[in-house]
Amino acid sequence: MQSDSSGGADATGPSGSGPTTLLPLPSRLAPSATPAAPPPSAGRWVLGLDGGATKTLAAVFDVESGTLATGESGPTNPHAVGFDASAAALREAVDEALQRAGADAADLAGAVLAVASVDTEENQKRLLDDIPTLRGLDQAFMTNDVVAAWASGTWGQPGVACISGTGSNVFGVGTDGSTWRCGGWDYLLGDEGASVWIGLEAMRRATFYRDGRGPWTALVPRLVEAYGMNDVADLHEIVYQTLQKADIAGFAKHVSEVAAAGDAVAGGILRDAGEQLATQITTVIRRVELPERFPVALVGSTFKAGPLLVEPLTAGVHAVAPGAELQRPDIPPVGGALWLAARAAGLESAVDVDVLRACLAEGDAEQEHDKS
């Protein structure tokens, strides 16, 4: 059983060498990996899992028959629900997928579990050890959910993934398997450009108007209505005593609606969000060696804001990397985890891409991915 490793508590290398990557990629999952010999597995099953702050989806795929089964459970972000609850939800999703597939642990050739906020080797090992089904599997990997997002948008090839849902996280893999992660610091330290950041910015602009230091914006009455307040002054109490991160992120859709109606303040927030995400993406691009043309996968619900956010993001990325091809992922993140599991097991070349894509769509595996 294997796990990813961390760049260290402060992600700092030897004296004078500068920072190191926060999220190395196990060599068996890298684009430059030497193909492994397929194991003598009768079923040729691989397992992928994508877990976040809202729900978790596991999928089991038989590369020989082209059949897929899924299992679903609750949130598995350990920072949000705790490690015991996370492990319980992981077991539930994995076991349900195997049961629906009519398979058992002995049929698995490889597994990749991608879970939000699981970065360190210690945390990855802790969760893997709590899943009895996977204890005898040599090619079992636990990693951060942004790795599955990268694989879903690039088919595991050099490129970048930008998650922007509740929070934001950007991850890139170079031609030599080198990696860099930018963001993923949660909403008190980061999450720039994501829904929680957009929601907080809207609240700040409303307080600016209330203080007399900012212009009127239609966000003011929208906030009052959305949260059942009497006045913007009530924000102070509900933000610090009542609202959770998801509640704040939920206001992002209102910002998009107000911006679409022509409100300059709301439109400026979306523009700033796009520029913030572009900065994270270009930071990653500068850190890893990429080919002249490479994909940048945009994963998450924030991108539903449309051109007001996506256009400044695109312009910012192309100013640094004209060959970057911004696109929505070809398959959902759980499919990216499956693809990496097949690579780890030496079965990547045996997977029919079209069949896998169709199975994921038919199996209702298209979940909205919200990093938290």
Protein backbone atom coordinates (compact mmCIF):
# COMPACT_ATOMS: atom_id res chain seq x y z
CA MET A 1 0.00 0.00 0.00
CA GLN A 2 1.41 3.37 -0.95
CA SER A 3 0.64 7.00 -0.30
CA ASP A 4 1.66 10.37 -1.59
CA SER A 5 4.22 12.38 0.36
CA SER A 6 4.32 15.95 1.59
CA GLY A 7 6.87 18.63 0.94
CA GLY A 8 7.19 19.10 4.72
CA ALA A 9 5.48 21.21 7.33
CA ASP A 10 6.72 24.47 5.84
CA ALA A 11 7.34 23.18 2.29
CA THR A 12 10.87 24.59 2.45
CA GLY A 13 13.86 22.77 1.03
CA PRO A 14 17.45 22.92 2.22
CA SER A 15 18.80 26.33 3.20
CA GLY A 16 18.85 28.65 0.22
CA SER A 17 17.07 26.23 -2.12
CA GLY A 18 13.64 27.89 -1.87
CA PRO A 19 10.24 26.25 -1.51
CA THR A 20 9.47 22.74 -2.68
CA THR A 21 6.23 21.37 -4.06
CA LEU A 22 3.42 20.90 -1.57
CA LEU A 23 2.01 17.94 -3.45
CA PRO A 24 4.44 15.49 -5.09
CA LEU A 25 2.96 12.93 -7.46
CA PRO A 26 3.77 9.26 -6.81
CA SER A 27 6.00 8.01 -9.62
CA ARG A 28 3.49 5.30 -10.58
CA LEU A 29 0.90 8.00 -11.33
CA ALA A 30 3.13 10.40 -13.27
CA PRO A 31 2.95 10.92 -17.07
CA SER A 32 6.58 9.81 -17.31
CA ALA A 33 5.91 6.56 -15.45
CA THR A 34 7.36 3.42 -17.00
CA PRO A 35 4.40 1.16 -17.80
CA ALA A 36 4.10 -1.53 -15.18
CA ALA A 37 3.45 -5.17 -16.01
CA PRO A 38 -0.27 -5.90 -15.55
CA PRO A 39 -0.94 -8.05 -12.49
CA PRO A 40 -2.48 -11.51 -12.85
CA SER A 41 -5.96 -10.28 -11.95
CA ALA A 42 -8.92 -12.17 -13.35
CA GLY A 43 -11.34 -9.28 -13.07
CA ARG A 44 -8.97 -6.47 -14.07
CA TRP A 45 -10.91 -4.09 -11.85
CA VAL A 46 -9.61 -0.65 -10.91
CA LEU A 47 -11.10 1.70 -8.33
CA GLY A 48 -11.22 5.49 -8.33
CA LEU A 49 -12.68 7.79 -5.70
CA ASP A 50 -13.33 11.51 -5.52
CA GLY A 51 -14.20 12.86 -2.09
CA GLY A 52 -14.97 16.38 -0.91
CA ALA A 53 -16.90 18.48 1.57
CA THR A 54 -20.32 17.63 0.16
CA LYS A 55 -20.23 14.02 -1.00
CA THR A 56 -17.99 11.19 -2.11
CA LEU A 57 -18.18 9.05 -5.23
CA ALA A 58 -16.34 5.77 -5.77
CA ALA A 59 -16.28 3.94 -9.09
CA VAL A 60 -15.09 0.44 -9.97
CA PHE A 61 -14.27 -0.28 -13.62
CA ASP A 62 -13.53 -3.62 -15.31
CA VAL A 63 -11.12 -2.81 -18.13
CA GLU A 64 -11.83 -6.14 -19.87
CA SER A 65 -15.63 -6.00 -20.02
CA GLY A 66 -15.95 -2.22 -19.96
CA THR A 67 -18.43 -2.24 -17.09
CA LEU A 68 -18.63 0.28 -14.27
CA ALA A 69 -20.35 0.44 -10.88
CA THR A 70 -20.47 3.31 -8.42
CA GLY A 71 -20.96 3.86 -4.71
CA GLU A 72 -21.79 7.12 -2.99
CA SER A 73 -21.48 8.41 0.56
CA GLY A 74 -21.27 11.64 2.50
CA PRO A 75 -18.40 14.10 2.87
CA THR A 76 -14.85 12.83 3.39
CA ASN A 77 -12.85 16.04 3.85
CA PRO A 78 -11.25 15.21 7.24
CA HIS A 79 -10.80 18.88 8.12
CA ALA A 80 -14.55 19.36 7.73
CA VAL A 81 -15.93 16.16 9.29
CA GLY A 82 -13.02 14.64 11.22
CA PHE A 83 -10.94 11.57 10.40
CA ASP A 84 -13.30 8.98 11.86
CA ALA A 85 -16.26 10.23 9.86
CA SER A 86 -14.08 10.56 6.76
CA ALA A 87 -12.85 6.97 7.03
CA ALA A 88 -16.39 5.70 7.58
CA ALA A 89 -17.65 7.47 4.47
CA LEU A 90 -14.70 6.20 2.42
CA ARG A 91 -15.43 2.62 3.48
CA GLU A 92 -19.10 3.04 2.64
CA ALA A 93 -18.46 4.35 -0.87
CA VAL A 94 -15.76 1.78 -1.69
CA ASP A 95 -17.73 -1.18 -0.38
CA GLU A 96 -20.92 -0.08 -2.13
CA ALA A 97 -19.13 0.26 -5.48
CA LEU A 98 -17.56 -3.19 -5.13
CA GLN A 99 -20.87 -4.76 -4.10
CA ARG A 100 -22.70 -3.25 -7.05
CA ALA A 101 -19.94 -4.46 -9.36
CA GLY A 102 -20.17 -7.98 -7.98
CA ALA A 103 -16.47 -7.81 -7.17
CA ASP A 104 -14.39 -8.11 -4.04
CA ALA A 105 -11.04 -6.80 -2.88
CA ALA A 106 -9.14 -9.65 -4.50
CA ASP A 107 -10.37 -8.51 -7.93
CA LEU A 108 -8.78 -5.05 -7.60
CA ALA A 109 -5.57 -4.34 -9.49
CA GLY A 110 -5.18 -0.70 -8.49
CA ALA A 111 -6.92 2.10 -6.60
CA VAL A 112 -6.57 5.87 -6.35
CA LEU A 113 -8.54 7.72 -3.69
CA ALA A 114 -8.49 11.50 -4.13
CA VAL A 115 -9.83 13.33 -1.09
CA ALA A 116 -10.03 17.05 -0.31
CA SER A 117 -7.56 18.39 2.27
CA VAL A 118 -5.61 15.13 2.45
CA ASP A 119 -2.07 16.29 1.74
CA THR A 120 0.43 14.79 4.17
CA GLU A 121 1.78 11.26 4.11
CA GLU A 122 0.67 10.80 7.71
CA ASN A 123 -2.95 11.70 6.98
CA GLN A 124 -3.03 9.62 3.80
CA LYS A 125 -1.71 6.55 5.59
CA ARG A 126 -4.14 7.09 8.45
CA LEU A 127 -7.14 7.02 6.15
CA LEU A 128 -5.89 4.14 3.97
CA ASP A 129 -5.25 2.01 7.04
CA ASP A 130 -8.88 2.54 8.03
CA ILE A 131 -10.16 0.92 4.81
CA PRO A 132 -9.81 -2.85 5.34
CA THR A 133 -10.85 -3.59 1.75
CA LEU A 134 -7.64 -1.99 0.42
CA ARG A 135 -5.11 -3.22 2.96
CA GLY A 136 -3.83 -6.06 0.78
CA LEU A 137 -3.60 -3.99 -2.39
CA ASP A 138 -0.06 -2.99 -3.32
CA GLN A 139 -1.09 -0.34 -5.85
CA ALA A 140 -3.38 1.71 -3.60
CA PHE A 141 -2.76 5.45 -3.45
CA MET A 142 -4.32 8.23 -1.43
CA THR A 143 -3.85 11.82 -2.60
CA ASN A 144 -5.48 15.25 -2.69
CA ASP A 145 -8.61 15.62 -4.81
CA VAL A 146 -6.92 18.15 -7.09
CA VAL A 147 -4.84 15.28 -8.50
CA ALA A 148 -7.99 13.53 -9.76
CA ALA A 149 -9.16 16.85 -11.22
CA TRP A 150 -5.86 17.16 -13.08
CA ALA A 151 -6.18 13.64 -14.49
CA SER A 152 -9.81 14.20 -15.51
CA GLY A 153 -8.89 17.25 -17.57
CA THR A 154 -5.63 16.00 -19.07
CA TRP A 155 -5.99 12.20 -19.15
CA GLY A 156 -2.96 12.14 -16.89
CA GLN A 157 -0.73 14.05 -19.29
CA PRO A 158 1.31 17.23 -18.62
CA GLY A 159 -1.02 20.11 -17.88
CA VAL A 160 -2.83 22.05 -15.19
CA ALA A 161 -6.11 21.71 -13.30
CA CYS A 162 -7.86 24.61 -11.61
CA ILE A 163 -10.58 23.70 -9.10
CA SER A 164 -12.89 26.53 -8.18
CA GLY A 165 -16.00 25.49 -6.34
CA THR A 166 -16.55 26.32 -2.69
CA GLY A 167 -12.77 26.86 -2.51
CA SER A 168 -9.93 27.01 -5.02
CA ASN A 169 -6.88 24.85 -5.69
CA VAL A 170 -4.54 24.66 -8.71
CA PHE A 171 -2.25 21.77 -9.57
CA GLY A 172 0.10 21.18 -12.48
CA VAL A 173 2.25 18.28 -13.67
CA GLY A 174 5.22 18.75 -16.00
CA THR A 175 6.63 16.55 -18.71
CA ASP A 176 9.11 15.01 -16.26
CA GLY A 177 6.49 14.34 -13.60
CA SER A 178 7.43 17.41 -11.55
CA THR A 179 4.49 19.08 -9.81
CA TRP A 180 3.42 22.35 -8.27
CA ARG A 181 0.34 23.26 -6.28
CA CYS A 182 -0.90 26.78 -5.69
CA GLY A 183 -3.79 27.61 -3.37
CA GLY A 184 -5.81 25.13 -1.36
CA TRP A 185 -5.31 27.18 1.82
CA ASP A 186 -9.02 27.35 2.75
CA TYR A 187 -11.06 30.50 3.11
CA LEU A 188 -9.30 32.17 6.05
CA LEU A 189 -5.94 32.08 4.28
CA GLY A 190 -6.90 31.81 0.63
CA ASP A 191 -9.56 30.36 -1.69
CA GLU A 192 -9.16 33.41 -3.91
CA GLY A 193 -11.48 33.39 -6.91
CA ALA A 194 -13.73 30.66 -5.51
CA SER A 195 -17.37 30.87 -4.45
CA VAL A 196 -16.62 31.50 -0.77
CA TRP A 197 -14.25 34.33 -1.76
CA ILE A 198 -16.88 35.80 -4.09
CA GLY A 199 -19.50 35.63 -1.35
CA LEU A 200 -17.22 37.32 1.18
CA GLU A 201 -16.26 40.03 -1.31
CA ALA A 202 -19.94 40.78 -1.91
CA MET A 203 -20.48 41.13 1.83
CA ARG A 204 -17.48 43.43 2.15
CA ARG A 205 -18.74 45.68 -0.67
CA ALA A 206 -22.10 45.89 1.08
CA THR A 207 -20.39 47.04 4.27
CA PHE A 208 -18.41 49.58 2.24
CA TYR A 209 -21.69 51.11 1.06
CA ARG A 210 -23.12 51.03 4.58
CA ASP A 211 -20.04 52.89 5.89
CA GLY A 212 -20.18 55.50 3.14
CA ARG A 213 -16.84 54.43 1.61
CA GLY A 214 -18.21 52.57 -1.40
CA PRO A 215 -20.87 52.98 -4.11
CA TRP A 216 -24.40 51.64 -4.06
CA THR A 217 -24.76 48.12 -5.40
CA ALA A 218 -27.78 45.92 -5.96
CA LEU A 219 -25.92 43.35 -3.84
CA VAL A 220 -27.16 45.21 -0.75
CA PRO A 221 -30.88 44.35 -1.03
CA ARG A 222 -30.01 40.91 -2.40
CA LEU A 223 -27.94 40.16 0.70
CA VAL A 224 -30.65 41.43 3.02
CA GLU A 225 -33.22 39.23 1.32
CA ALA A 226 -31.02 36.15 0.95
CA TYR A 227 -30.13 35.99 4.64
CA GLY A 228 -33.37 37.37 6.10
CA MET A 229 -31.75 40.45 7.60
CA ASN A 230 -33.31 43.79 8.50
CA ASP A 231 -30.26 45.76 7.45
CA VAL A 232 -26.71 45.26 6.16
CA ALA A 233 -25.54 46.01 9.70
CA ASP A 234 -26.87 42.55 10.66
CA LEU A 235 -24.07 40.98 8.60
CA HIS A 236 -21.66 41.38 11.49
CA GLU A 237 -23.67 39.09 13.71
CA ILE A 238 -24.63 36.43 11.19
CA VAL A 239 -21.18 36.12 9.60
CA TYR A 240 -19.40 35.61 12.90
CA GLN A 241 -22.08 33.66 14.74
CA THR A 242 -24.33 31.90 12.25
CA LEU A 243 -23.02 31.39 8.72
CA GLN A 244 -20.80 28.48 7.74
CA LYS A 245 -18.41 28.46 4.81
CA ALA A 246 -20.95 26.79 2.52
CA ASP A 247 -23.57 29.41 3.43
CA ILE A 248 -21.22 32.18 2.36
CA ALA A 249 -20.22 30.37 -0.83
CA GLY A 250 -23.89 29.97 -1.70
CA PHE A 251 -24.21 33.71 -2.24
CA ALA A 252 -21.88 33.53 -5.26
CA LYS A 253 -24.81 32.63 -7.51
CA HIS A 254 -26.54 35.86 -6.48
CA VAL A 255 -23.40 37.82 -7.37
CA SER A 256 -23.49 36.27 -10.86
CA GLU A 257 -27.16 37.18 -11.28
CA VAL A 258 -26.67 40.75 -10.11
CA ALA A 259 -23.59 41.12 -12.34
CA ALA A 260 -25.50 39.78 -15.35
CA ALA A 261 -28.11 42.50 -14.75
CA GLY A 262 -25.40 45.13 -15.17
CA ASP A 263 -24.31 45.90 -11.61
CA ALA A 264 -20.76 47.29 -11.82
CA VAL A 265 -19.72 46.24 -8.31
CA ALA A 266 -20.84 42.64 -8.78
CA GLY A 267 -19.23 42.53 -12.21
CA GLY A 268 -15.99 43.80 -10.72
CA ILE A 269 -16.00 41.03 -8.13
CA LEU A 270 -16.30 38.39 -10.86
CA ARG A 271 -13.56 40.04 -12.88
CA ASP A 272 -11.29 40.08 -9.84
CA ALA A 273 -12.11 36.42 -9.19
CA GLY A 274 -11.05 35.50 -12.71
CA GLU A 275 -7.82 37.45 -12.34
CA GLN A 276 -7.07 35.80 -8.99
CA LEU A 277 -7.51 32.34 -10.50
CA ALA A 278 -5.34 33.32 -13.48
CA THR A 279 -2.57 34.33 -11.07
CA GLN A 280 -2.68 30.93 -9.39
CA ILE A 281 -2.68 29.10 -12.73
CA THR A 282 0.24 31.10 -14.15
CA THR A 283 2.19 30.57 -10.93
CA VAL A 284 1.91 26.82 -11.51
CA ILE A 285 2.75 27.16 -15.22
CA ARG A 286 6.00 28.94 -14.33
CA ARG A 287 6.95 26.19 -11.87
CA VAL A 288 6.67 23.09 -14.07
CA GLU A 289 8.01 22.41 -17.53
CA LEU A 290 5.14 22.08 -19.99
CA PRO A 291 4.97 21.54 -23.76
CA GLU A 292 4.17 24.41 -26.09
CA ARG A 293 0.50 23.47 -26.03
CA PHE A 294 -1.09 21.96 -22.95
CA PRO A 295 -4.53 21.72 -21.31
CA VAL A 296 -5.77 23.79 -18.39
CA ALA A 297 -8.83 22.06 -16.96
CA LEU A 298 -11.43 24.26 -15.27
CA VAL A 299 -13.22 22.18 -12.65
CA GLY A 300 -16.04 23.34 -10.38
CA SER A 301 -19.25 25.29 -10.12
CA THR A 302 -17.70 28.76 -9.93
CA PHE A 303 -17.09 28.72 -13.68
CA LYS A 304 -20.85 28.79 -14.23
CA ALA A 305 -20.49 32.55 -13.68
CA GLY A 306 -19.62 32.65 -17.37
CA PRO A 307 -17.69 35.22 -19.43
CA LEU A 308 -17.53 37.88 -16.70
CA LEU A 309 -15.20 35.54 -14.79
CA VAL A 310 -13.80 33.26 -17.48
CA GLU A 311 -12.72 35.96 -19.95
CA PRO A 312 -10.32 37.78 -17.57
CA LEU A 313 -9.06 34.40 -16.40
CA THR A 314 -8.34 33.37 -19.98
CA ALA A 315 -6.66 36.67 -20.81
CA GLY A 316 -4.43 36.43 -17.75
CA VAL A 317 -3.34 32.88 -18.56
CA HIS A 318 -2.72 33.56 -22.25
CA ALA A 319 -0.60 36.59 -21.41
CA VAL A 320 1.90 34.17 -19.87
CA ALA A 321 1.20 30.96 -21.83
CA PRO A 322 -0.41 31.50 -25.26
CA GLY A 323 -0.42 27.75 -25.85
CA ALA A 324 -2.59 26.99 -22.84
CA GLU A 325 -5.89 25.40 -23.88
CA LEU A 326 -8.55 26.21 -21.29
CA GLN A 327 -11.32 23.62 -21.24
CA ARG A 328 -13.83 21.81 -19.11
CA PRO A 329 -12.75 18.25 -18.18
CA ASP A 330 -13.55 15.42 -20.56
CA ILE A 331 -14.57 13.19 -17.67
CA PRO A 332 -15.49 13.88 -14.01
CA PRO A 333 -12.80 13.79 -11.32
CA VAL A 334 -13.74 10.26 -10.26
CA GLY A 335 -12.91 9.22 -13.83
CA GLY A 336 -9.52 10.86 -13.47
CA ALA A 337 -8.91 8.79 -10.34
CA LEU A 338 -9.92 5.65 -12.26
CA TRP A 339 -7.51 6.51 -15.06
CA LEU A 340 -4.63 6.91 -12.61
CA ALA A 341 -5.56 3.65 -10.90
CA ALA A 342 -5.31 1.90 -14.26
CA ARG A 343 -1.91 3.51 -14.83
CA ALA A 344 -0.67 2.35 -11.43
CA ALA A 345 -1.87 -1.19 -12.16
CA GLY A 346 -0.24 -1.31 -15.59
CA LEU A 347 -3.65 -1.42 -17.31
CA GLU A 348 -3.77 2.08 -18.83
CA SER A 349 -3.23 0.84 -22.38
CA ALA A 350 -6.07 -1.68 -21.96
CA VAL A 351 -8.68 0.98 -21.12
CA ASP A 352 -10.97 1.97 -23.98
CA VAL A 353 -11.31 5.74 -23.51
CA ASP A 354 -14.64 5.97 -25.30
CA VAL A 355 -16.11 3.13 -23.26
CA LEU A 356 -14.91 4.64 -19.99
CA ARG A 357 -16.31 8.04 -20.92
CA ALA A 358 -19.69 6.53 -21.82
CA CYS A 359 -19.81 4.44 -18.65
CA LEU A 360 -19.15 7.46 -16.47
CA ALA A 361 -21.94 9.40 -18.14
CA GLU A 362 -24.41 6.51 -18.02
CA GLY A 363 -23.50 5.72 -14.42
CA ASP A 364 -24.52 9.21 -13.34
CA ALA A 365 -20.95 9.91 -12.26
CA GLU A 366 -21.14 13.54 -13.34
CA GLN A 367 -21.03 15.19 -9.96
CA GLU A 368 -20.43 18.88 -9.34
CA HIS A 369 -16.97 19.05 -7.84
CA ASP A 370 -16.67 21.59 -5.02
CA LYS A 371 -13.22 21.70 -3.43
CA SER A 372 -13.31 22.55 0.22
